[in-house]
Amino acid sequence: MELNNYKRYKKPTVARVIFQINFPNLFIIENRIGDFQMKIMDKFPESSLSIRRELLFANIGPKSKMEEIPISENLGRKIWQFKSGDSIVLSITTNSLDIVSTQHKSYFSYENGEGFRDIIQFAVDVFLSLVPIEKINRIGLKYIDVCPLPIKEIGDTQIPYVENQEFLDWYNTGLQLNRFNLTHLGRLKFESELKFGDYYLIYKENLGFINPKQTDIQYILDFDGYKRNIDPNSYLNVLDDLHILIHNEWEKTLKQPVKDIMEEID
């Protein structure tokens, strides 16, 4: 895939970015997690282990008793978690690795520091060097953007405020504004799932009040791209394609007033 009209901005709208790989369940991970921890400790100094309890569903029949059902004490899912402060969290289970960051505003690295791609490559390369994964079932990349809205002054207070045409001047939206008037806004949502060859993108918009007094409006874009059945040796190429797919759709959604607010980097 190719980037369309790729630009960098000083204040991009991204608020959170999430990466995940899923793979066949591997119990060997528990034996390798200590080695993994040592290799990533410089970047992820904080660590913890939690157990997420699983629900048990059983059809015991009319003549059976609940106490007769054998229940394992290990009925739970271990999650090894590694943190870089409060802004980057790396989590591993026996069939997944994910990274959540509220720090990264750029996918690629530039002169001011590492991009999200760099931290993914660092963690996944270390993981793959220790755990023999033959196939990645799914790779996902998700961006959540909190986007600016026009401001209206009420006395000495400035609050986000939108009318239909004004919103359409700022965003190329999928919201049904030809039917619903934003002056009656409580919450509007839009969701679409798109297919680009072997790649998928779930695109969501959410516009609405975020407080009971209805004085603060928030507009959130949610881009969730993924691909299934990947050779681990090509994960980085797939990741780049997912980023390009999301970035291109993000650029299509934002119009010039928003890009002016973000301030393009020369």
Protein backbone atom coordinates (compact mmCIF):
# COMPACT_ATOMS: atom_id res chain seq x y z
CA MET A 1 0.00 0.00 0.00
CA GLU A 2 1.05 3.57 -0.60
CA LEU A 3 0.55 6.61 1.58
CA ASN A 4 -1.72 9.23 0.04
CA ASN A 5 -0.73 12.84 0.70
CA TYR A 6 1.29 11.95 3.82
CA LYS A 7 1.84 14.90 6.14
CA ARG A 8 3.03 15.34 9.70
CA TYR A 9 1.36 17.61 12.24
CA LYS A 10 2.48 19.28 15.45
CA LYS A 11 -0.77 18.49 17.26
CA PRO A 12 -2.33 15.36 15.70
CA THR A 13 -5.72 14.21 16.94
CA VAL A 14 -4.60 10.74 18.07
CA ALA A 15 -5.22 10.09 21.77
CA ARG A 16 -4.53 6.37 22.03
CA VAL A 17 -2.97 3.75 19.77
CA ILE A 18 -3.23 -0.01 20.25
CA PHE A 19 -1.34 -2.90 18.64
CA GLN A 20 -2.11 -6.59 19.08
CA ILE A 21 -1.06 -9.95 17.71
CA ASN A 22 -2.97 -13.17 18.38
CA PHE A 23 -1.44 -16.62 17.91
CA PRO A 24 -2.17 -20.26 18.83
CA ASN A 25 -2.18 -20.92 22.58
CA LEU A 26 1.39 -21.66 23.75
CA PHE A 27 2.02 -22.81 27.30
CA ILE A 28 5.77 -22.46 26.75
CA ILE A 29 5.35 -18.69 27.15
CA GLU A 30 5.22 -18.98 30.95
CA ASN A 31 8.72 -20.50 30.94
CA ARG A 32 10.11 -17.75 28.67
CA ILE A 33 8.51 -14.73 30.29
CA GLY A 34 11.42 -14.16 32.69
CA ASP A 35 13.91 -13.99 29.82
CA PHE A 36 11.56 -11.64 27.98
CA GLN A 37 11.32 -9.39 31.03
CA MET A 38 15.09 -9.10 31.33
CA LYS A 39 15.49 -8.14 27.67
CA ILE A 40 12.86 -5.36 27.75
CA MET A 41 13.49 -4.03 31.25
CA ASP A 42 15.28 -0.88 30.10
CA LYS A 43 12.18 0.29 28.22
CA PHE A 44 9.54 -1.36 30.43
CA PRO A 45 10.87 -1.25 34.01
CA GLU A 46 7.54 -1.88 35.79
CA SER A 47 5.99 -5.36 35.74
CA SER A 48 3.07 -7.25 37.24
CA LEU A 49 1.16 -10.52 36.94
CA SER A 50 -2.62 -10.74 37.15
CA ILE A 51 -5.08 -13.57 36.71
CA ARG A 52 -8.38 -12.96 34.98
CA ARG A 53 -10.91 -15.50 36.20
CA GLU A 54 -12.88 -17.34 33.53
CA LEU A 55 -16.61 -18.00 33.73
CA LEU A 56 -17.69 -21.64 33.93
CA PHE A 57 -20.80 -22.73 32.05
CA ALA A 58 -22.03 -26.27 32.66
CA ASN A 59 -25.12 -28.28 31.81
CA ILE A 60 -25.41 -30.40 34.94
CA GLY A 61 -28.73 -32.08 34.08
CA PRO A 62 -31.70 -32.70 36.38
CA LYS A 63 -30.02 -35.46 38.44
CA SER A 64 -26.57 -33.92 38.85
CA LYS A 65 -25.33 -31.77 41.68
CA MET A 66 -23.17 -28.68 41.31
CA GLU A 67 -20.69 -29.94 43.89
CA GLU A 68 -20.03 -33.00 41.75
CA ILE A 69 -18.53 -30.92 38.91
CA PRO A 70 -14.71 -30.84 39.09
CA ILE A 71 -13.49 -27.24 39.08
CA SER A 72 -9.81 -26.53 38.53
CA GLU A 73 -8.10 -24.13 40.88
CA ASN A 74 -6.24 -22.83 37.82
CA LEU A 75 -9.40 -21.73 36.03
CA GLY A 76 -8.01 -18.36 35.04
CA ARG A 77 -6.01 -16.50 32.43
CA LYS A 78 -2.56 -15.19 33.31
CA ILE A 79 -1.66 -11.73 32.06
CA TRP A 80 1.94 -10.57 32.29
CA GLN A 81 2.09 -6.79 32.10
CA PHE A 82 5.03 -4.44 31.59
CA LYS A 83 4.82 -0.66 31.79
CA SER A 84 6.80 2.35 30.76
CA GLY A 85 5.43 4.88 33.21
CA ASP A 86 1.70 5.46 32.80
CA SER A 87 1.76 5.98 29.05
CA ILE A 88 2.80 2.63 27.50
CA VAL A 89 1.52 -0.79 28.62
CA LEU A 90 2.68 -4.11 27.15
CA SER A 91 0.55 -7.16 27.98
CA ILE A 92 1.19 -10.83 27.19
CA THR A 93 -1.03 -13.89 27.57
CA THR A 94 -0.50 -17.42 26.30
CA ASN A 95 -2.07 -16.45 22.97
CA SER A 96 -1.61 -12.68 22.56
CA LEU A 97 0.70 -9.69 22.85
CA ASP A 98 -0.61 -6.15 22.88
CA ILE A 99 0.77 -2.67 23.38
CA VAL A 100 -1.33 0.34 24.36
CA SER A 101 0.17 3.83 24.22
CA THR A 102 -1.17 7.26 25.06
CA GLN A 103 2.30 8.74 24.51
CA HIS A 104 2.90 8.23 20.81
CA LYS A 105 1.57 10.83 18.39
CA SER A 106 3.54 9.49 15.43
CA TYR A 107 3.87 6.03 13.90
CA PHE A 108 7.32 6.66 12.42
CA SER A 109 10.31 7.91 14.39
CA TYR A 110 11.56 11.42 13.81
CA GLU A 111 14.20 13.66 15.30
CA ASN A 112 12.16 14.15 18.47
CA GLY A 113 12.04 10.48 19.47
CA GLU A 114 10.74 6.99 18.79
CA GLY A 115 7.54 6.33 16.91
CA PHE A 116 4.96 3.70 17.84
CA ARG A 117 6.42 1.42 15.15
CA ASP A 118 9.78 1.42 16.95
CA ILE A 119 8.37 0.26 20.27
CA ILE A 120 6.31 -2.44 18.53
CA GLN A 121 9.32 -3.72 16.61
CA PHE A 122 11.46 -3.75 19.73
CA ALA A 123 8.96 -5.75 21.79
CA VAL A 124 7.81 -8.17 19.08
CA ASP A 125 11.34 -8.95 17.85
CA VAL A 126 12.41 -9.83 21.39
CA PHE A 127 9.28 -11.94 21.85
CA LEU A 128 9.71 -13.84 18.58
CA SER A 129 13.36 -14.55 19.42
CA LEU A 130 12.19 -16.39 22.56
CA VAL A 131 8.86 -17.92 21.52
CA PRO A 132 8.61 -20.12 18.37
CA ILE A 133 5.42 -18.87 16.75
CA GLU A 134 4.74 -20.52 13.39
CA LYS A 135 1.72 -18.40 12.49
CA ILE A 136 0.16 -15.17 13.69
CA ASN A 137 -3.61 -15.60 13.62
CA ARG A 138 -4.35 -11.88 13.58
CA ILE A 139 -2.55 -8.55 13.64
CA GLY A 140 -4.52 -5.49 14.68
CA LEU A 141 -3.71 -1.79 14.78
CA LYS A 142 -6.18 0.67 16.31
CA TYR A 143 -6.14 4.47 16.52
CA ILE A 144 -8.53 6.45 18.71
CA ASP A 145 -8.65 10.17 17.92
CA VAL A 146 -10.29 12.92 19.95
CA CYS A 147 -10.97 15.62 17.39
CA PRO A 148 -11.39 19.39 17.76
CA LEU A 149 -14.73 21.12 17.32
CA PRO A 150 -15.71 24.75 16.71
CA ILE A 151 -15.84 26.86 19.87
CA LYS A 152 -18.73 29.08 20.93
CA GLU A 153 -18.35 31.81 23.54
CA ILE A 154 -21.08 32.02 26.18
CA GLY A 155 -20.20 34.89 28.48
CA ASP A 156 -16.67 34.25 29.68
CA THR A 157 -16.91 30.52 28.87
CA GLN A 158 -15.84 28.79 25.69
CA ILE A 159 -17.53 25.48 24.84
CA PRO A 160 -17.49 23.17 21.81
CA TYR A 161 -20.50 23.89 19.63
CA VAL A 162 -21.53 22.56 16.24
CA GLU A 163 -24.26 23.04 13.71
CA ASN A 164 -24.73 20.78 10.71
CA GLN A 165 -23.08 22.88 8.02
CA GLU A 166 -20.25 23.95 10.29
CA PHE A 167 -19.52 20.32 11.18
CA LEU A 168 -19.58 19.37 7.48
CA ASP A 169 -17.06 22.14 6.80
CA TRP A 170 -14.69 20.51 9.29
CA TYR A 171 -15.23 16.79 8.67
CA ASN A 172 -16.03 14.40 5.83
CA THR A 173 -18.39 12.47 8.07
CA GLY A 174 -20.52 9.35 7.79
CA LEU A 175 -23.00 10.68 10.37
CA GLN A 176 -26.52 11.09 8.99
CA LEU A 177 -26.63 14.89 9.11
CA ASN A 178 -28.99 15.03 6.17
CA ARG A 179 -31.60 13.56 8.53
CA PHE A 180 -30.58 14.59 12.06
CA ASN A 181 -30.04 18.16 13.19
CA LEU A 182 -27.15 18.70 15.59
CA THR A 183 -29.16 21.28 17.52
CA HIS A 184 -31.08 18.26 18.90
CA LEU A 185 -27.91 16.32 19.57
CA GLY A 186 -27.69 13.79 22.37
CA ARG A 187 -25.37 11.32 20.64
CA LEU A 188 -24.80 10.25 17.05
CA LYS A 189 -22.82 7.17 16.00
CA PHE A 190 -21.62 5.72 12.72
CA GLU A 191 -19.85 2.41 12.04
CA SER A 192 -18.71 0.72 8.86
CA GLU A 193 -16.55 -2.35 8.15
CA LEU A 194 -14.49 -2.16 4.96
CA LYS A 195 -12.38 -4.73 3.09
CA PHE A 196 -9.23 -3.90 1.14
CA GLY A 197 -7.94 -7.17 -0.30
CA ASP A 198 -6.78 -9.19 2.73
CA TYR A 199 -7.02 -6.18 5.03
CA TYR A 200 -10.03 -5.04 7.03
CA LEU A 201 -10.90 -1.70 8.59
CA ILE A 202 -13.63 -0.99 11.12
CA TYR A 203 -14.34 2.74 11.00
CA LYS A 204 -16.37 4.42 13.76
CA GLU A 205 -17.51 7.94 14.58
CA ASN A 206 -19.04 9.04 17.86
CA LEU A 207 -20.32 12.57 18.43
CA GLY A 208 -22.11 13.53 21.61
CA PHE A 209 -22.19 15.09 25.05
CA ILE A 210 -19.85 13.60 27.64
CA ASN A 211 -21.34 15.14 30.79
CA PRO A 212 -24.83 15.11 32.36
CA LYS A 213 -25.27 18.87 32.04
CA GLN A 214 -24.70 18.61 28.27
CA THR A 215 -22.16 21.40 28.18
CA ASP A 216 -19.23 19.49 26.65
CA ILE A 217 -19.34 17.75 23.26
CA GLN A 218 -16.73 15.26 22.10
CA TYR A 219 -16.10 13.87 18.61
CA ILE A 220 -14.17 10.60 18.50
CA LEU A 221 -12.82 8.76 15.48
CA ASP A 222 -11.98 5.07 15.93
CA PHE A 223 -9.94 3.26 13.26
CA ASP A 224 -9.47 -0.48 13.80
CA GLY A 225 -7.45 -2.25 11.08
CA TYR A 226 -6.53 -5.92 11.00
CA LYS A 227 -5.34 -8.86 8.90
CA ARG A 228 -5.55 -12.60 9.56
CA ASN A 229 -3.11 -15.49 9.03
CA ILE A 230 0.32 -13.86 8.81
CA ASP A 231 3.81 -15.31 8.56
CA PRO A 232 5.66 -13.97 11.65
CA ASN A 233 8.59 -12.99 9.40
CA SER A 234 6.38 -10.50 7.55
CA TYR A 235 4.57 -8.96 10.54
CA LEU A 236 6.29 -5.58 10.15
CA ASN A 237 5.25 -5.24 6.49
CA VAL A 238 1.65 -6.04 7.46
CA LEU A 239 1.83 -3.51 10.28
CA ASP A 240 3.05 -0.80 7.89
CA ASP A 241 0.19 -1.58 5.50
CA LEU A 242 -2.34 -1.29 8.32
CA HIS A 243 -0.92 2.08 9.33
CA ILE A 244 -1.08 3.33 5.75
CA LEU A 245 -4.68 2.14 5.41
CA ILE A 246 -5.71 3.93 8.61
CA HIS A 247 -3.73 7.08 7.86
CA ASN A 248 -5.28 7.45 4.41
CA GLU A 249 -8.82 7.15 5.83
CA TRP A 250 -7.95 9.58 8.62
CA GLU A 251 -6.72 12.15 6.07
CA LYS A 252 -9.96 11.72 4.09
CA THR A 253 -12.06 12.43 7.19
CA LEU A 254 -10.36 15.67 8.26
CA LYS A 255 -10.94 18.88 6.32
CA GLN A 256 -8.77 21.98 6.18
CA PRO A 257 -10.01 23.80 9.34
CA VAL A 258 -8.96 20.77 11.41
CA LYS A 259 -5.61 20.46 9.63
CA ASP A 260 -4.97 24.13 10.32
CA ILE A 261 -5.54 23.51 14.03
CA MET A 262 -3.14 20.57 14.01
CA GLU A 263 -0.49 22.72 12.27
CA GLU A 264 1.37 20.93 9.51
CA ILE A 265 5.11 20.43 10.02
CA ASP A 266 7.13 21.81 7.09
